[in-house]
Amino acid sequence: TDRLWRWQSAADRVAPAASPAELQLRPLNRRTAS
């Protein structure tokens, strides 16, 4: 049983840092899908 949540970024909210220093941010594609 799941609860549904609706989220939308507020216009005045600053996005946090892309990723912690010890981790890499990668997009989803055929090379990273696994």
Full PDB file with SEQRES, HELIX, SHEET, SSBOND, CRYST1, ORIGX, SCALE, CONECT and MASTER records, all heavy atoms in Angstrom:
SEQRES   1 A   34  THR ASP ARG LEU TRP ARG TRP GLN SER ALA ALA ASP ARG          
SEQRES   2 A   34  VAL ALA PRO ALA ALA SER PRO ALA GLU LEU GLN LEU ARG          
SEQRES   3 A   34  PRO LEU ASN ARG ARG THR ALA SER                              
CRYST1    1.000    1.000    1.000  90.00  90.00  90.00 P 1           1          
ORIGX1      1.000000  0.000000  0.000000        0.00000                         
ORIGX2      0.000000  1.000000  0.000000        0.00000                         
ORIGX3      0.000000  0.000000  1.000000        0.00000                         
SCALE1      1.000000  0.000000  0.000000        0.00000                         
SCALE2      0.000000  1.000000  0.000000        0.00000                         
SCALE3      0.000000  0.000000  1.000000        0.00000                         
ATOM      1  N   THR A   1       0.858  -1.182   0.000  1.00  0.00           N  
ATOM      2  CA  THR A   1       0.000   0.000   0.000  1.00  0.00           C  
ATOM      3  C   THR A   1       0.890   1.227   0.000  1.00  0.00           C  
ATOM      4  O   THR A   1       1.749   1.385   0.879  1.00  0.00           O  
ATOM      5  CB  THR A   1      -0.934   0.012   1.219  1.00  0.00           C  
ATOM      6  OG1 THR A   1      -1.735  -1.179   1.222  1.00  0.00           O  
ATOM      7  CG2 THR A   1      -1.855   1.226   1.183  1.00  0.00           C  
ATOM      8  N   ASP A   2       0.705   2.086  -0.996  1.00  0.00           N  
ATOM      9  CA  ASP A   2       1.522   3.288  -1.156  1.00  0.00           C  
ATOM     10  C   ASP A   2       0.669   4.531  -0.958  1.00  0.00           C  
ATOM     11  O   ASP A   2      -0.532   4.534  -1.235  1.00  0.00           O  
ATOM     12  CB  ASP A   2       2.143   3.335  -2.555  1.00  0.00           C  
ATOM     13  CG  ASP A   2       3.100   2.187  -2.810  1.00  0.00           C  
ATOM     14  OD1 ASP A   2       3.815   1.799  -1.874  1.00  0.00           O  
ATOM     15  OD2 ASP A   2       3.125   1.666  -3.943  1.00  0.00           O  
ATOM     16  N   ARG A   3       1.314   5.570  -0.486  1.00  0.00           N  
ATOM     17  CA  ARG A   3       0.693   6.892  -0.453  1.00  0.00           C  
ATOM     18  C   ARG A   3       1.271   7.728  -1.591  1.00  0.00           C  
ATOM     19  O   ARG A   3       2.478   7.739  -1.805  1.00  0.00           O  
ATOM     20  CB  ARG A   3       0.942   7.574   0.894  1.00  0.00           C  
ATOM     21  CG  ARG A   3       0.284   8.941   1.011  1.00  0.00           C  
ATOM     22  CD  ARG A   3       0.294   9.465   2.430  1.00  0.00           C  
ATOM     23  NE  ARG A   3      -0.651   8.755   3.280  1.00  0.00           N  
ATOM     24  CZ  ARG A   3      -0.298   8.022   4.338  1.00  0.00           C  
ATOM     25  NH1 ARG A   3       0.974   7.907   4.661  1.00  0.00           N  
ATOM     26  NH2 ARG A   3      -1.208   7.412   5.078  1.00  0.00           N  
ATOM     27  N   LEU A   4       0.393   8.394  -2.340  1.00  0.00           N  
ATOM     28  CA  LEU A   4       0.819   9.219  -3.465  1.00  0.00           C  
ATOM     29  C   LEU A   4       1.154  10.628  -2.985  1.00  0.00           C  
ATOM     30  O   LEU A   4       0.391  11.224  -2.222  1.00  0.00           O  
ATOM     31  CB  LEU A   4      -0.274   9.273  -4.533  1.00  0.00           C  
ATOM     32  CG  LEU A   4      -0.603   7.952  -5.248  1.00  0.00           C  
ATOM     33  CD1 LEU A   4      -1.741   8.176  -6.243  1.00  0.00           C  
ATOM     34  CD2 LEU A   4       0.611   7.385  -5.942  1.00  0.00           C  
ATOM     35  N   TRP A   5       2.276  11.138  -3.472  1.00  0.00           N  
ATOM     36  CA  TRP A   5       2.725  12.478  -3.114  1.00  0.00           C  
ATOM     37  C   TRP A   5       2.956  13.283  -4.390  1.00  0.00           C  
ATOM     38  O   TRP A   5       3.537  12.788  -5.354  1.00  0.00           O  
ATOM     39  CB  TRP A   5       4.029  12.424  -2.313  1.00  0.00           C  
ATOM     40  CG  TRP A   5       3.873  11.808  -0.947  1.00  0.00           C  
ATOM     41  CD1 TRP A   5       3.883  10.484  -0.646  1.00  0.00           C  
ATOM     42  CD2 TRP A   5       3.670  12.506   0.281  1.00  0.00           C  
ATOM     43  NE1 TRP A   5       3.706  10.302   0.706  1.00  0.00           N  
ATOM     44  CE2 TRP A   5       3.575  11.526   1.299  1.00  0.00           C  
ATOM     45  CE3 TRP A   5       3.575  13.849   0.632  1.00  0.00           C  
ATOM     46  CZ2 TRP A   5       3.383  11.865   2.629  1.00  0.00           C  
ATOM     47  CZ3 TRP A   5       3.384  14.186   1.963  1.00  0.00           C  
ATOM     48  CH2 TRP A   5       3.292  13.198   2.955  1.00  0.00           C  
ATOM     49  N   ARG A   6       2.488  14.514  -4.370  1.00  0.00           N  
ATOM     50  CA  ARG A   6       2.674  15.432  -5.494  1.00  0.00           C  
ATOM     51  C   ARG A   6       3.647  16.518  -5.071  1.00  0.00           C  
ATOM     52  O   ARG A   6       3.446  17.195  -4.063  1.00  0.00           O  
ATOM     53  CB  ARG A   6       1.332  16.048  -5.914  1.00  0.00           C  
ATOM     54  CG  ARG A   6       1.412  17.017  -7.090  1.00  0.00           C  
ATOM     55  CD  ARG A   6       0.037  17.610  -7.383  1.00  0.00           C  
ATOM     56  NE  ARG A   6       0.085  18.557  -8.499  1.00  0.00           N  
ATOM     57  CZ  ARG A   6       0.373  19.843  -8.363  1.00  0.00           C  
ATOM     58  NH1 ARG A   6       0.645  20.338  -7.161  1.00  0.00           N  
ATOM     59  NH2 ARG A   6       0.394  20.636  -9.427  1.00  0.00           N  
ATOM     60  N   TRP A   7       4.725  16.683  -5.877  1.00  0.00           N  
ATOM     61  CA  TRP A   7       5.761  17.662  -5.537  1.00  0.00           C  
ATOM     62  C   TRP A   7       6.105  18.492  -6.753  1.00  0.00           C  
ATOM     63  O   TRP A   7       6.188  17.980  -7.879  1.00  0.00           O  
ATOM     64  CB  TRP A   7       7.022  16.955  -5.036  1.00  0.00           C  
ATOM     65  CG  TRP A   7       8.161  17.890  -4.733  1.00  0.00           C  
ATOM     66  CD1 TRP A   7       8.361  18.599  -3.576  1.00  0.00           C  
ATOM     67  CD2 TRP A   7       9.244  18.229  -5.595  1.00  0.00           C  
ATOM     68  NE1 TRP A   7       9.502  19.349  -3.672  1.00  0.00           N  
ATOM     69  CE2 TRP A   7      10.070  19.144  -4.901  1.00  0.00           C  
ATOM     70  CE3 TRP A   7       9.595  17.852  -6.891  1.00  0.00           C  
ATOM     71  CZ2 TRP A   7      11.233  19.678  -5.456  1.00  0.00           C  
ATOM     72  CZ3 TRP A   7      10.750  18.388  -7.454  1.00  0.00           C  
ATOM     73  CH2 TRP A   7      11.557  19.287  -6.728  1.00  0.00           C  
ATOM     74  N   GLN A   8       6.292  19.767  -6.522  1.00  0.00           N  
ATOM     75  CA  GLN A   8       6.719  20.691  -7.570  1.00  0.00           C  
ATOM     76  C   GLN A   8       7.679  21.695  -6.959  1.00  0.00           C  
ATOM     77  O   GLN A   8       7.426  22.237  -5.878  1.00  0.00           O  
ATOM     78  CB  GLN A   8       5.530  21.409  -8.209  1.00  0.00           C  
ATOM     79  CG  GLN A   8       5.889  22.234  -9.440  1.00  0.00           C  
ATOM     80  CD  GLN A   8       4.655  22.761 -10.154  1.00  0.00           C  
ATOM     81  OE1 GLN A   8       3.549  22.738  -9.611  1.00  0.00           O  
ATOM     82  NE2 GLN A   8       4.816  23.222 -11.383  1.00  0.00           N  
ATOM     83  N   SER A   9       8.767  21.903  -7.655  1.00  0.00           N  
ATOM     84  CA  SER A   9       9.788  22.812  -7.141  1.00  0.00           C  
ATOM     85  C   SER A   9       9.242  24.229  -7.061  1.00  0.00           C  
ATOM     86  O   SER A   9       8.665  24.737  -8.025  1.00  0.00           O  
ATOM     87  CB  SER A   9      11.034  22.762  -8.035  1.00  0.00           C  
ATOM     88  OG  SER A   9      11.995  23.704  -7.598  1.00  0.00           O  
ATOM     89  N   ALA A  10       9.409  24.846  -5.907  1.00  0.00           N  
ATOM     90  CA  ALA A  10       8.974  26.228  -5.734  1.00  0.00           C  
ATOM     91  C   ALA A  10       9.877  27.164  -6.535  1.00  0.00           C  
ATOM     92  O   ALA A  10      11.079  26.929  -6.684  1.00  0.00           O  
ATOM     93  CB  ALA A  10       8.991  26.610  -4.259  1.00  0.00           C  
ATOM     94  N   ALA A  11       9.278  28.213  -7.073  1.00  0.00           N  
ATOM     95  CA  ALA A  11      10.037  29.134  -7.928  1.00  0.00           C  
ATOM     96  C   ALA A  11      11.134  29.848  -7.151  1.00  0.00           C  
ATOM     97  O   ALA A  11      12.192  30.157  -7.697  1.00  0.00           O  
ATOM     98  CB  ALA A  11       9.091  30.148  -8.566  1.00  0.00           C  
ATOM     99  N   ASP A  12      10.908  30.108  -5.851  1.00  0.00           N  
ATOM    100  CA  ASP A  12      11.885  30.846  -5.059  1.00  0.00           C  
ATOM    101  C   ASP A  12      12.845  29.927  -4.309  1.00  0.00           C  
ATOM    102  O   ASP A  12      13.665  30.393  -3.523  1.00  0.00           O  
ATOM    103  CB  ASP A  12      11.168  31.753  -4.050  1.00  0.00           C  
ATOM    104  CG  ASP A  12      10.225  30.953  -3.144  1.00  0.00           C  
ATOM    105  OD1 ASP A  12       9.955  29.779  -3.459  1.00  0.00           O  
ATOM    106  OD2 ASP A  12       9.747  31.529  -2.141  1.00  0.00           O  
ATOM    107  N   ARG A  13      12.759  28.600  -4.533  1.00  0.00           N  
ATOM    108  CA  ARG A  13      13.617  27.661  -3.825  1.00  0.00           C  
ATOM    109  C   ARG A  13      14.862  27.384  -4.650  1.00  0.00           C  
ATOM    110  O   ARG A  13      14.777  27.045  -5.830  1.00  0.00           O  
ATOM    111  CB  ARG A  13      12.887  26.357  -3.530  1.00  0.00           C  
ATOM    112  CG  ARG A  13      13.705  25.369  -2.696  1.00  0.00           C  
ATOM    113  CD  ARG A  13      12.906  24.116  -2.376  1.00  0.00           C  
ATOM    114  NE  ARG A  13      13.673  23.155  -1.609  1.00  0.00           N  
ATOM    115  CZ  ARG A  13      13.787  23.168  -0.302  1.00  0.00           C  
ATOM    116  NH1 ARG A  13      13.170  24.107   0.404  1.00  0.00           N  
ATOM    117  NH2 ARG A  13      14.504  22.265   0.330  1.00  0.00           N  
ATOM    118  N   VAL A  14      16.030  27.513  -4.037  1.00  0.00           N  
ATOM    119  CA  VAL A  14      17.294  27.259  -4.717  1.00  0.00           C  
ATOM    120  C   VAL A  14      17.575  25.769  -4.694  1.00  0.00           C  
ATOM    121  O   VAL A  14      17.470  25.116  -3.654  1.00  0.00           O  
ATOM    122  CB  VAL A  14      18.444  28.035  -4.041  1.00  0.00           C  
ATOM    123  CG1 VAL A  14      19.763  27.761  -4.752  1.00  0.00           C  
ATOM    124  CG2 VAL A  14      18.132  29.532  -4.039  1.00  0.00           C  
ATOM    125  N   ALA A  15      17.905  25.218  -5.851  1.00  0.00           N  
ATOM    126  CA  ALA A  15      18.211  23.791  -5.928  1.00  0.00           C  
ATOM    127  C   ALA A  15      19.469  23.479  -5.146  1.00  0.00           C  
ATOM    128  O   ALA A  15      20.444  24.249  -5.178  1.00  0.00           O  
ATOM    129  CB  ALA A  15      18.380  23.375  -7.387  1.00  0.00           C  
ATOM    130  N   PRO A  16      19.503  22.363  -4.408  1.00  0.00           N  
ATOM    131  CA  PRO A  16      20.696  22.012  -3.633  1.00  0.00           C  
ATOM    132  C   PRO A  16      21.842  21.616  -4.549  1.00  0.00           C  
ATOM    133  O   PRO A  16      21.703  21.544  -5.777  1.00  0.00           O  
ATOM    134  CB  PRO A  16      20.214  20.824  -2.791  1.00  0.00           C  
ATOM    135  CG  PRO A  16      19.068  20.247  -3.552  1.00  0.00           C  
ATOM    136  CD  PRO A  16      18.411  21.397  -4.245  1.00  0.00           C  
ATOM    137  N   ALA A  17      22.984  21.354  -3.946  1.00  0.00           N  
ATOM    138  CA  ALA A  17      24.158  20.961  -4.709  1.00  0.00           C  
ATOM    139  C   ALA A  17      23.850  19.726  -5.546  1.00  0.00           C  
ATOM    140  O   ALA A  17      23.042  18.879  -5.166  1.00  0.00           O  
ATOM    141  CB  ALA A  17      25.330  20.687  -3.765  1.00  0.00           C  
ATOM    142  N   ALA A  18      24.535  19.637  -6.676  1.00  0.00           N  
ATOM    143  CA  ALA A  18      24.245  18.563  -7.624  1.00  0.00           C  
ATOM    144  C   ALA A  18      24.410  17.194  -6.991  1.00  0.00           C  
ATOM    145  O   ALA A  18      23.578  16.308  -7.166  1.00  0.00           O  
ATOM    146  CB  ALA A  18      25.142  18.692  -8.845  1.00  0.00           C  
ATOM    147  N   SER A  19      25.480  16.960  -6.226  1.00  0.00           N  
ATOM    148  CA  SER A  19      25.711  15.658  -5.613  1.00  0.00           C  
ATOM    149  C   SER A  19      26.769  15.795  -4.540  1.00  0.00           C  
ATOM    150  O   SER A  19      27.592  16.716  -4.569  1.00  0.00           O  
ATOM    151  CB  SER A  19      26.159  14.632  -6.668  1.00  0.00           C  
ATOM    152  OG  SER A  19      27.399  15.037  -7.236  1.00  0.00           O  
ATOM    153  N   PRO A  20      26.769  14.892  -3.560  1.00  0.00           N  
ATOM    154  CA  PRO A  20      27.851  14.909  -2.571  1.00  0.00           C  
ATOM    155  C   PRO A  20      29.207  14.724  -3.249  1.00  0.00           C  
ATOM    156  O   PRO A  20      29.314  14.159  -4.345  1.00  0.00           O  
ATOM    157  CB  PRO A  20      27.495  13.724  -1.660  1.00  0.00           C  
ATOM    158  CG  PRO A  20      26.024  13.508  -1.848  1.00  0.00           C  
ATOM    159  CD  PRO A  20      25.745  13.885  -3.269  1.00  0.00           C  
ATOM    160  N   ALA A  21      30.246  15.165  -2.553  1.00  0.00           N  
ATOM    161  CA  ALA A  21      31.580  15.148  -3.161  1.00  0.00           C  
ATOM    162  C   ALA A  21      32.050  13.745  -3.484  1.00  0.00           C  
ATOM    163  O   ALA A  21      32.767  13.534  -4.474  1.00  0.00           O  
ATOM    164  CB  ALA A  21      32.571  15.839  -2.219  1.00  0.00           C  
ATOM    165  N   GLU A  22      31.667  12.758  -2.672  1.00  0.00           N  
ATOM    166  CA  GLU A  22      32.152  11.389  -2.895  1.00  0.00           C  
ATOM    167  C   GLU A  22      31.363  10.625  -3.952  1.00  0.00           C  
ATOM    168  O   GLU A  22      31.694   9.477  -4.260  1.00  0.00           O  
ATOM    169  CB  GLU A  22      32.131  10.603  -1.583  1.00  0.00           C  
ATOM    170  CG  GLU A  22      30.754  10.255  -1.045  1.00  0.00           C  
ATOM    171  CD  GLU A  22      30.133  11.364  -0.206  1.00  0.00           C  
ATOM    172  OE1 GLU A  22      30.655  12.502  -0.263  1.00  0.00           O  
ATOM    173  OE2 GLU A  22      29.145  11.087   0.494  1.00  0.00           O  
ATOM    174  N   LEU A  23      30.307  11.235  -4.503  1.00  0.00           N  
ATOM    175  CA  LEU A  23      29.460  10.564  -5.483  1.00  0.00           C  
ATOM    176  C   LEU A  23      29.469  11.317  -6.803  1.00  0.00           C  
ATOM    177  O   LEU A  23      29.678  12.523  -6.844  1.00  0.00           O  
ATOM    178  CB  LEU A  23      28.021  10.444  -4.956  1.00  0.00           C  
ATOM    179  CG  LEU A  23      27.834   9.676  -3.655  1.00  0.00           C  
ATOM    180  CD1 LEU A  23      26.366   9.705  -3.232  1.00  0.00           C  
ATOM    181  CD2 LEU A  23      28.318   8.235  -3.788  1.00  0.00           C  
ATOM    182  N   GLN A  24      29.214  10.580  -7.881  1.00  0.00           N  
ATOM    183  CA  GLN A  24      29.155  11.157  -9.213  1.00  0.00           C  
ATOM    184  C   GLN A  24      27.705  11.183  -9.695  1.00  0.00           C  
ATOM    185  O   GLN A  24      26.973  10.212  -9.513  1.00  0.00           O  
ATOM    186  CB  GLN A  24      30.008  10.352 -10.196  1.00  0.00           C  
ATOM    187  CG  GLN A  24      31.493  10.359  -9.898  1.00  0.00           C  
ATOM    188  CD  GLN A  24      32.269   9.524 -10.920  1.00  0.00           C  
ATOM    189  OE1 GLN A  24      31.691   8.874 -11.783  1.00  0.00           O  
ATOM    190  NE2 GLN A  24      33.598   9.558 -10.801  1.00  0.00           N  
ATOM    191  N   LEU A  25      27.314  12.275 -10.329  1.00  0.00           N  
ATOM    192  CA  LEU A  25      25.986  12.395 -10.916  1.00  0.00           C  
ATOM    193  C   LEU A  25      26.056  11.959 -12.373  1.00  0.00           C  
ATOM    194  O   LEU A  25      26.830  12.511 -13.160  1.00  0.00           O  
ATOM    195  CB  LEU A  25      25.497  13.841 -10.817  1.00  0.00           C  
ATOM    196  CG  LEU A  25      24.131  14.133 -11.437  1.00  0.00           C  
ATOM    197  CD1 LEU A  25      23.018  13.416 -10.668  1.00  0.00           C  
ATOM    198  CD2 LEU A  25      23.869  15.637 -11.479  1.00  0.00           C  
ATOM    199  N   ARG A  26      25.256  10.948 -12.730  1.00  0.00           N  
ATOM    200  CA  ARG A  26      25.266  10.432 -14.090  1.00  0.00           C  
ATOM    201  C   ARG A  26      23.844  10.360 -14.634  1.00  0.00           C  
ATOM    202  O   ARG A  26      22.916  10.015 -13.901  1.00  0.00           O  
ATOM    203  CB  ARG A  26      25.901   9.036 -14.148  1.00  0.00           C  
ATOM    204  CG  ARG A  26      27.357   8.982 -13.713  1.00  0.00           C  
ATOM    205  CD  ARG A  26      27.917   7.587 -13.885  1.00  0.00           C  
ATOM    206  NE  ARG A  26      29.252   7.457 -13.325  1.00  0.00           N  
ATOM    207  CZ  ARG A  26      29.947   6.316 -13.300  1.00  0.00           C  
ATOM    208  NH1 ARG A  26      29.405   5.218 -13.849  1.00  0.00           N  
ATOM    209  NH2 ARG A  26      31.150   6.271 -12.753  1.00  0.00           N  
ATOM    210  N   PRO A  27      23.665  10.651 -15.922  1.00  0.00           N  
ATOM    211  CA  PRO A  27      22.330  10.530 -16.531  1.00  0.00           C  
ATOM    212  C   PRO A  27      22.036   9.072 -16.868  1.00  0.00           C  
ATOM    213  O   PRO A  27      22.947   8.242 -17.017  1.00  0.00           O  
ATOM    214  CB  PRO A  27      22.440  11.381 -17.789  1.00  0.00           C  
ATOM    215  CG  PRO A  27      23.896  11.290 -18.168  1.00  0.00           C  
ATOM    216  CD  PRO A  27      24.660  11.210 -16.868  1.00  0.00           C  
ATOM    217  N   LEU A  28      20.762   8.781 -17.017  1.00  0.00           N  
ATOM    218  CA  LEU A  28      20.348   7.441 -17.414  1.00  0.00           C  
ATOM    219  C   LEU A  28      20.460   7.301 -18.924  1.00  0.00           C  
ATOM    220  O   LEU A  28      19.859   8.068 -19.670  1.00  0.00           O  
ATOM    221  CB  LEU A  28      18.906   7.188 -16.964  1.00  0.00           C  
ATOM    222  CG  LEU A  28      18.272   5.867 -17.427  1.00  0.00           C  
ATOM    223  CD1 LEU A  28      19.028   4.674 -16.873  1.00  0.00           C  
ATOM    224  CD2 LEU A  28      16.803   5.808 -17.025  1.00  0.00           C  
ATOM    225  N   ASN A  29      21.233   6.318 -19.365  1.00  0.00           N  
ATOM    226  CA  ASN A  29      21.361   5.990 -20.778  1.00  0.00           C  
ATOM    227  C   ASN A  29      21.726   4.515 -20.884  1.00  0.00           C  
ATOM    228  O   ASN A  29      21.742   3.791 -19.887  1.00  0.00           O  
ATOM    229  CB  ASN A  29      22.402   6.884 -21.475  1.00  0.00           C  
ATOM    230  CG  ASN A  29      23.724   6.932 -20.727  1.00  0.00           C  
ATOM    231  OD1 ASN A  29      24.240   5.895 -20.294  1.00  0.00           O  
ATOM    232  ND2 ASN A  29      24.272   8.128 -20.562  1.00  0.00           N  
ATOM    233  N   ARG A  30      22.034   4.073 -22.086  1.00  0.00           N  
ATOM    234  CA  ARG A  30      22.311   2.645 -22.280  1.00  0.00           C  
ATOM    235  C   ARG A  30      23.573   2.191 -21.562  1.00  0.00           C  
ATOM    236  O   ARG A  30      23.689   1.028 -21.169  1.00  0.00           O  
ATOM    237  CB  ARG A  30      22.417   2.331 -23.783  1.00  0.00           C  
ATOM    238  CG  ARG A  30      21.096   2.474 -24.516  1.00  0.00           C  
ATOM    239  CD  ARG A  30      21.156   1.863 -25.900  1.00  0.00           C  
ATOM    240  NE  ARG A  30      19.834   1.903 -26.528  1.00  0.00           N  
ATOM    241  CZ  ARG A  30      18.899   1.002 -26.343  1.00  0.00           C  
ATOM    242  NH1 ARG A  30      19.124  -0.030 -25.544  1.00  0.00           N  
ATOM    243  NH2 ARG A  30      17.727   1.107 -26.934  1.00  0.00           N  
ATOM    244  N   ARG A  31      24.524   3.088 -21.380  1.00  0.00           N  
ATOM    245  CA  ARG A  31      25.755   2.697 -20.700  1.00  0.00           C  
ATOM    246  C   ARG A  31      25.580   2.614 -19.191  1.00  0.00           C  
ATOM    247  O   ARG A  31      26.263   1.840 -18.531  1.00  0.00           O  
ATOM    248  CB  ARG A  31      26.875   3.688 -21.044  1.00  0.00           C  
ATOM    249  CG  ARG A  31      27.347   3.610 -22.490  1.00  0.00           C  
ATOM    250  CD  ARG A  31      28.416   4.639 -22.769  1.00  0.00           C  
ATOM    251  NE  ARG A  31      27.905   5.995 -22.587  1.00  0.00           N  
ATOM    252  CZ  ARG A  31      28.652   7.088 -22.692  1.00  0.00           C  
ATOM    253  NH1 ARG A  31      29.943   6.980 -22.971  1.00  0.00           N  
ATOM    254  NH2 ARG A  31      28.111   8.280 -22.530  1.00  0.00           N  
ATOM    255  N   THR A  32      24.674   3.422 -18.633  1.00  0.00           N  
ATOM    256  CA  THR A  32      24.501   3.453 -17.180  1.00  0.00           C  
ATOM    257  C   THR A  32      23.239   2.736 -16.713  1.00  0.00           C  
ATOM    258  O   THR A  32      23.001   2.654 -15.508  1.00  0.00           O  
ATOM    259  CB  THR A  32      24.444   4.906 -16.701  1.00  0.00           C  
ATOM    260  OG1 THR A  32      23.318   5.568 -17.305  1.00  0.00           O  
ATOM    261  CG2 THR A  32      25.717   5.661 -17.060  1.00  0.00           C  
ATOM    262  N   ALA A  33      22.427   2.221 -17.636  1.00  0.00           N  
ATOM    263  CA  ALA A  33      21.150   1.616 -17.251  1.00  0.00           C  
ATOM    264  C   ALA A  33      21.340   0.421 -16.328  1.00  0.00           C  
ATOM    265  O   ALA A  33      20.522   0.177 -15.436  1.00  0.00           O  
ATOM    266  CB  ALA A  33      20.367   1.209 -18.497  1.00  0.00           C  
ATOM    267  N   SER A  34      22.418  -0.343 -16.523  1.00  0.00           N  
ATOM    268  CA  SER A  34      22.627  -1.517 -15.672  1.00  0.00           C  
ATOM    269  C   SER A  34      22.844  -1.126 -14.213  1.00  0.00           C  
ATOM    270  O   SER A  34      22.454  -1.863 -13.304  1.00  0.00           O  
ATOM    271  CB  SER A  34      23.827  -2.320 -16.176  1.00  0.00           C  
ATOM    272  OG  SER A  34      25.005  -1.535 -16.158  1.00  0.00           O  
TER     273      SER A  34                                                      
MASTER        0    0    0    0    0    0    0    6  272    1    0    3          
END                                                                             
